[in-house]
C-alpha atoms as a PDB file:
ATOM      1  CA  MET A   1      -9.328 -33.797  -1.879  1.00  0.00           C
ATOM      2  CA  LEU A   2     -12.163 -34.557  -4.271  1.00  0.00           C
ATOM      3  CA  LEU A   3     -14.023 -31.410  -3.183  1.00  0.00           C
ATOM      4  CA  ILE A   4     -10.948 -29.228  -3.745  1.00  0.00           C
ATOM      5  CA  ASP A   5     -10.299 -30.804  -7.163  1.00  0.00           C
ATOM      6  CA  THR A   6     -13.923 -30.265  -8.167  1.00  0.00           C
ATOM      7  CA  LEU A   7     -13.870 -26.691  -6.929  1.00  0.00           C
ATOM      8  CA  PHE A   8     -10.649 -25.772  -8.748  1.00  0.00           C
ATOM      9  CA  SER A   9     -11.460 -27.523 -12.014  1.00  0.00           C
ATOM     10  CA  GLY A  10     -14.902 -25.895 -12.249  1.00  0.00           C
ATOM     11  CA  PRO A  11     -15.822 -22.444 -13.538  1.00  0.00           C
ATOM     12  CA  TRP A  12     -14.720 -20.774 -10.289  1.00  0.00           C
ATOM     13  CA  GLY A  13     -11.285 -22.405 -10.476  1.00  0.00           C
ATOM     14  CA  PRO A  14      -9.518 -19.610 -12.377  1.00  0.00           C
ATOM     15  CA  LEU A  15     -10.852 -17.007  -9.916  1.00  0.00           C
ATOM     16  CA  LEU A  16      -9.812 -19.110  -6.918  1.00  0.00           C
ATOM     17  CA  ILE A  17      -6.320 -19.570  -8.375  1.00  0.00           C
ATOM     18  CA  PHE A  18      -6.182 -15.829  -9.078  1.00  0.00           C
ATOM     19  CA  ALA A  19      -7.181 -15.014  -5.483  1.00  0.00           C
ATOM     20  CA  LEU A  20      -4.717 -17.503  -4.010  1.00  0.00           C
ATOM     21  CA  ARG A  21      -1.888 -16.056  -6.089  1.00  0.00           C
ATOM     22  CA  VAL A  22      -2.766 -12.517  -5.008  1.00  0.00           C
ATOM     23  CA  VAL A  23      -2.523 -13.585  -1.364  1.00  0.00           C
ATOM     24  CA  ASP A  24       0.587 -15.733  -1.869  1.00  0.00           C
ATOM     25  CA  VAL A  25       2.581 -13.098  -3.765  1.00  0.00           C
ATOM     26  CA  SER A  26       1.505 -10.331  -1.363  1.00  0.00           C
ATOM     27  CA  LEU A  27       2.724 -12.458   1.544  1.00  0.00           C
ATOM     28  CA  ALA A  28       5.994 -13.093  -0.291  1.00  0.00           C
ATOM     29  CA  ILE A  29       6.609  -9.368  -0.697  1.00  0.00           C
ATOM     30  CA  LEU A  30       5.795  -8.628   2.926  1.00  0.00           C
ATOM     31  CA  ARG A  31       7.905 -11.565   4.119  1.00  0.00           C
ATOM     32  CA  THR A  32      10.911 -10.423   2.084  1.00  0.00           C
ATOM     33  CA  LEU A  33      10.673  -6.839   3.292  1.00  0.00           C
ATOM     34  CA  LEU A  34      10.182  -7.888   6.909  1.00  0.00           C
ATOM     35  CA  ALA A  35      13.160 -10.260   6.630  1.00  0.00           C
ATOM     36  CA  MET A  36      15.320  -7.335   5.519  1.00  0.00           C
ATOM     37  CA  ARG A  37      14.119  -5.419   8.576  1.00  0.00           C
ATOM     38  CA  GLY A  38      14.848  -8.289  10.949  1.00  0.00           C
ATOM     39  CA  ALA A  39      11.297  -9.315  11.933  1.00  0.00           C
ATOM     40  CA  ARG A  40      12.346 -12.744  13.204  1.00  0.00           C
ATOM     41  CA  LEU A  41       8.941 -13.878  14.437  1.00  0.00           C
ATOM     42  CA  ALA A  42       6.713 -12.740  11.587  1.00  0.00           C
ATOM     43  CA  VAL A  43       8.901 -13.993   8.718  1.00  0.00           C
ATOM     44  CA  PRO A  44       8.596 -17.759   9.357  1.00  0.00           C
ATOM     45  CA  VAL A  45       4.853 -17.494   9.979  1.00  0.00           C
ATOM     46  CA  LEU A  46       4.316 -15.585   6.740  1.00  0.00           C
ATOM     47  CA  GLY A  47       6.586 -18.063   4.931  1.00  0.00           C
ATOM     48  CA  PHE A  48       4.507 -21.000   6.153  1.00  0.00           C
ATOM     49  CA  PHE A  49       1.220 -19.555   4.892  1.00  0.00           C
ATOM     50  CA  GLU A  50       2.803 -18.269   1.686  1.00  0.00           C
ATOM     51  CA  SER A  51       4.117 -21.720   0.763  1.00  0.00           C
ATOM     52  CA  LEU A  52       0.890 -23.464   1.781  1.00  0.00           C
ATOM     53  CA  ILE A  53      -1.170 -21.184  -0.437  1.00  0.00           C
ATOM     54  CA  TRP A  54       1.360 -21.435  -3.275  1.00  0.00           C
ATOM     55  CA  VAL A  55       1.180 -25.248  -3.273  1.00  0.00           C
ATOM     56  CA  LEU A  56      -2.614 -25.106  -3.599  1.00  0.00           C
ATOM     57  CA  ALA A  57      -2.495 -22.516  -6.383  1.00  0.00           C
ATOM     58  CA  VAL A  58       0.290 -24.061  -8.449  1.00  0.00           C
ATOM     59  CA  GLY A  59      -1.060 -27.588  -8.001  1.00  0.00           C
ATOM     60  CA  SER A  60      -4.479 -26.527  -9.239  1.00  0.00           C
ATOM     61  CA  ALA A  61      -3.029 -24.576 -12.152  1.00  0.00           C
ATOM     62  CA  ILE A  62      -0.871 -27.529 -13.227  1.00  0.00           C
ATOM     63  CA  GLN A  63      -3.819 -29.927 -13.040  1.00  0.00           C
ATOM     64  CA  ASN A  64      -5.710 -27.597 -15.391  1.00  0.00           C
ATOM     65  CA  LEU A  65      -2.978 -26.637 -17.872  1.00  0.00           C
ATOM     66  CA  ASP A  66      -5.356 -27.405 -20.728  1.00  0.00           C
ATOM     67  CA  SER A  67      -7.545 -24.486 -19.607  1.00  0.00           C
ATOM     68  CA  PRO A  68      -6.328 -21.048 -20.737  1.00  0.00           C
ATOM     69  CA  ALA A  69      -8.528 -19.453 -18.065  1.00  0.00           C
ATOM     70  CA  HIS A  70      -6.718 -21.336 -15.281  1.00  0.00           C
ATOM     71  CA  VAL A  71      -3.310 -20.384 -16.658  1.00  0.00           C
ATOM     72  CA  LEU A  72      -4.393 -16.743 -17.004  1.00  0.00           C
ATOM     73  CA  GLY A  73      -5.794 -16.836 -13.467  1.00  0.00           C
ATOM     74  CA  TYR A  74      -2.407 -18.007 -12.213  1.00  0.00           C
ATOM     75  CA  ALA A  75      -0.415 -15.388 -14.140  1.00  0.00           C
ATOM     76  CA  GLY A  76      -2.915 -12.608 -13.446  1.00  0.00           C
ATOM     77  CA  GLY A  77      -2.885 -13.406  -9.738  1.00  0.00           C
ATOM     78  CA  PHE A  78       0.902 -13.117  -9.742  1.00  0.00           C
ATOM     79  CA  ALA A  79       0.762  -9.674 -11.368  1.00  0.00           C
ATOM     80  CA  ALA A  80      -2.036  -8.422  -9.116  1.00  0.00           C
ATOM     81  CA  GLY A  81      -0.299  -9.884  -6.052  1.00  0.00           C
ATOM     82  CA  ASN A  82       2.760  -7.750  -6.758  1.00  0.00           C
ATOM     83  CA  ALA A  83       0.629  -4.617  -6.872  1.00  0.00           C
ATOM     84  CA  VAL A  84      -1.308  -5.561  -3.727  1.00  0.00           C
ATOM     85  CA  GLY A  85       1.875  -6.508  -1.844  1.00  0.00           C
ATOM     86  CA  MET A  86       3.550  -3.195  -2.635  1.00  0.00           C
ATOM     87  CA  TRP A  87       0.400  -1.301  -1.646  1.00  0.00           C
ATOM     88  CA  LEU A  88       0.188  -3.194   1.661  1.00  0.00           C
ATOM     89  CA  GLU A  89       3.841  -2.579   2.439  1.00  0.00           C
ATOM     90  CA  GLY A  90       3.354   1.128   1.834  1.00  0.00           C
ATOM     91  CA  LYS A  91       0.353   1.191   4.157  1.00  0.00           C
ATOM     92  CA  LEU A  92       2.146  -0.712   6.910  1.00  0.00           C
ATOM     93  CA  ALA A  93       5.244   1.527   6.590  1.00  0.00           C
ATOM     94  CA  VAL A  94       7.312  -0.682   8.867  1.00  0.00           C
ATOM     95  CA  GLY A  95      10.791   0.485   9.777  1.00  0.00           C
ATOM     96  CA  LEU A  96      12.775   3.684   9.911  1.00  0.00           C
ATOM     97  CA  ALA A  97      13.929   6.265   7.396  1.00  0.00           C
ATOM     98  CA  THR A  98      16.878   8.628   7.327  1.00  0.00           C
ATOM     99  CA  ILE A  99      15.960  11.971   5.825  1.00  0.00           C
ATOM    100  CA  ARG A 100      18.702  14.305   4.603  1.00  0.00           C
ATOM    101  CA  ILE A 101      17.688  17.851   3.767  1.00  0.00           C
ATOM    102  CA  ILE A 102      20.017  20.365   2.140  1.00  0.00           C
ATOM    103  CA  SER A 103      18.630  23.874   2.295  1.00  0.00           C
ATOM    104  CA  ARG A 104      20.001  27.148   0.983  1.00  0.00           C
ATOM    105  CA  TYR A 105      17.418  29.058   3.010  1.00  0.00           C
ATOM    106  CA  GLY A 106      15.774  28.192   6.289  1.00  0.00           C
ATOM    107  CA  GLY A 107      17.737  25.130   7.387  1.00  0.00           C
ATOM    108  CA  VAL A 108      18.119  26.354  10.975  1.00  0.00           C
ATOM    109  CA  GLU A 109      14.446  27.273  11.205  1.00  0.00           C
ATOM    110  CA  LEU A 110      13.496  23.929   9.671  1.00  0.00           C
ATOM    111  CA  ALA A 111      15.616  22.066  12.222  1.00  0.00           C
ATOM    112  CA  ASP A 112      13.967  23.995  15.068  1.00  0.00           C
ATOM    113  CA  ALA A 113      10.503  23.298  13.631  1.00  0.00           C
ATOM    114  CA  LEU A 114      11.251  19.572  13.375  1.00  0.00           C
ATOM    115  CA  ARG A 115      12.538  19.542  16.953  1.00  0.00           C
ATOM    116  CA  SER A 116       9.366  21.249  18.136  1.00  0.00           C
ATOM    117  CA  GLU A 117       7.419  18.435  16.377  1.00  0.00           C
ATOM    118  CA  GLY A 118       9.349  15.932  18.520  1.00  0.00           C
ATOM    119  CA  PHE A 119      11.930  14.751  15.986  1.00  0.00           C
ATOM    120  CA  GLY A 120      15.616  14.380  16.732  1.00  0.00           C
ATOM    121  CA  VAL A 121      17.603  16.534  14.335  1.00  0.00           C
ATOM    122  CA  THR A 122      21.266  17.064  13.562  1.00  0.00           C
ATOM    123  CA  GLU A 123      22.212  20.146  11.599  1.00  0.00           C
ATOM    124  CA  PHE A 124      25.424  21.607  10.276  1.00  0.00           C
ATOM    125  CA  SER A 125      26.659  24.045   7.679  1.00  0.00           C
ATOM    126  CA  GLY A 126      28.053  22.927   4.371  1.00  0.00           C
ATOM    127  CA  GLN A 127      29.262  24.264   1.075  1.00  0.00           C
ATOM    128  CA  GLY A 128      27.133  23.591  -1.988  1.00  0.00           C
ATOM    129  CA  ARG A 129      27.581  24.452  -5.643  1.00  0.00           C
ATOM    130  CA  HIS A 130      26.070  27.915  -5.161  1.00  0.00           C
ATOM    131  CA  GLY A 131      27.373  28.751  -1.713  1.00  0.00           C
ATOM    132  CA  THR A 132      26.638  27.999   1.914  1.00  0.00           C
ATOM    133  CA  VAL A 133      23.896  25.490   2.743  1.00  0.00           C
ATOM    134  CA  GLU A 134      22.419  24.001   5.905  1.00  0.00           C
ATOM    135  CA  VAL A 135      22.350  20.230   6.104  1.00  0.00           C
ATOM    136  CA  VAL A 136      19.658  18.693   8.299  1.00  0.00           C
ATOM    137  CA  PHE A 137      19.508  14.989   9.216  1.00  0.00           C
ATOM    138  CA  THR A 138      16.730  13.167  10.991  1.00  0.00           C
ATOM    139  CA  VAL A 139      15.751   9.539  11.508  1.00  0.00           C
ATOM    140  CA  VAL A 140      12.015   8.892  11.734  1.00  0.00           C
ATOM    141  CA  LYS A 141       9.513   6.076  11.527  1.00  0.00           C
ATOM    142  CA  ARG A 142       8.559   5.537   7.883  1.00  0.00           C
ATOM    143  CA  ARG A 143       4.956   6.537   8.512  1.00  0.00           C
ATOM    144  CA  GLN A 144       6.232   9.946   9.713  1.00  0.00           C
ATOM    145  CA  ILE A 145       7.959  10.788   6.417  1.00  0.00           C
ATOM    146  CA  PRO A 146       4.999  12.797   5.028  1.00  0.00           C
ATOM    147  CA  ARG A 147       4.947  14.963   8.182  1.00  0.00           C
ATOM    148  CA  VAL A 148       8.662  15.763   7.832  1.00  0.00           C
ATOM    149  CA  LEU A 149       8.314  16.499   4.116  1.00  0.00           C
ATOM    150  CA  GLN A 150       5.385  18.807   4.813  1.00  0.00           C
ATOM    151  CA  GLU A 151       7.543  20.753   7.273  1.00  0.00           C
ATOM    152  CA  VAL A 152      10.371  20.973   4.727  1.00  0.00           C
ATOM    153  CA  GLU A 153       7.965  22.334   2.106  1.00  0.00           C
ATOM    154  CA  ARG A 154       6.801  24.942   4.590  1.00  0.00           C
ATOM    155  CA  TRP A 155      10.319  26.229   5.337  1.00  0.00           C
ATOM    156  CA  ASP A 156      12.124  25.693   2.015  1.00  0.00           C
ATOM    157  CA  PRO A 157      10.182  24.383  -1.001  1.00  0.00           C
ATOM    158  CA  ASP A 158      13.444  24.279  -3.004  1.00  0.00           C
ATOM    159  CA  ALA A 159      15.375  22.127  -0.524  1.00  0.00           C
ATOM    160  CA  PHE A 160      17.133  19.008  -1.753  1.00  0.00           C
ATOM    161  CA  ILE A 161      15.725  15.977   0.077  1.00  0.00           C
ATOM    162  CA  SER A 162      16.848  12.368   0.105  1.00  0.00           C
ATOM    163  CA  VAL A 163      15.116   9.587   2.015  1.00  0.00           C
ATOM    164  CA  GLU A 164      16.930   6.338   2.694  1.00  0.00           C
ATOM    165  CA  GLU A 165      16.353   3.244   4.759  1.00  0.00           C
ATOM    166  CA  PRO A 166      19.039   2.762   7.418  1.00  0.00           C
ATOM    167  CA  ARG A 167      20.472  -0.752   7.711  1.00  0.00           C
ATOM    168  CA  SER A 168      20.950  -0.511  11.468  1.00  0.00           C
ATOM    169  CA  ILE A 169      20.786   2.153  14.162  1.00  0.00           C
ATOM    170  CA  ARG A 170      22.453   2.187  17.560  1.00  0.00           C
ATOM    171  CA  ARG A 171      21.764   4.659  20.299  1.00  0.00           C
ATOM    172  CA  GLY A 172      20.558   8.209  19.687  1.00  0.00           C
ATOM    173  CA  TRP A 173      17.435  10.078  20.674  1.00  0.00           C
ATOM    174  CA  MET A 174      15.107   7.255  19.599  1.00  0.00           C
ATOM    175  CA  PHE A 175      16.857   4.858  21.959  1.00  0.00           C
ATOM    176  CA  ASP A 176      17.421   6.964  25.065  1.00  0.00           C
ATOM    177  CA  ARG A 177      16.192   4.166  27.314  1.00  0.00           C
ATOM    178  CA  ARG A 178      18.277   1.014  27.389  1.00  0.00           C
ATOM    179  CA  ARG A 179      16.605  -1.917  25.660  1.00  0.00           C
ATOM    180  CA  LYS A 180      16.592  -5.320  27.297  1.00  0.00           C
END
């Protein structure tokens, strides 16, 4: 422990605390989001490392409360960890998304184009404020959202689009084969 105490109380201490907090908070964000998506194996593993790192960071910060640099390292690492965690989650794009498109023009063509891209699509007619509209629904992997939005822009740049995260999905084109 003497080596760790020496390392954290020295001039590199605030940077080490900062780095540990970036990792710890990023793991916390990923763990929370994966827990909401039901990743039962990854969540406890991330939680273990998150808490281990947190104990090191907070313990070192508390031992050096008389040093403004250590306290700033702790707080700055928390702030940066939030940014890094959100960036990582966006890059991983784990999970599914429900995309609802309401189009005054080109809804049928859009649905056909999405089907030709391999997406499952449900379409129906509806009545909007200014007349008849086509409503198009699809459920895709989150990393496929940009591809769907690009197709929507191609067929109807004025379409109303909402993207939501489904809580649970049962059956449908994504699950044609029975899962064990």
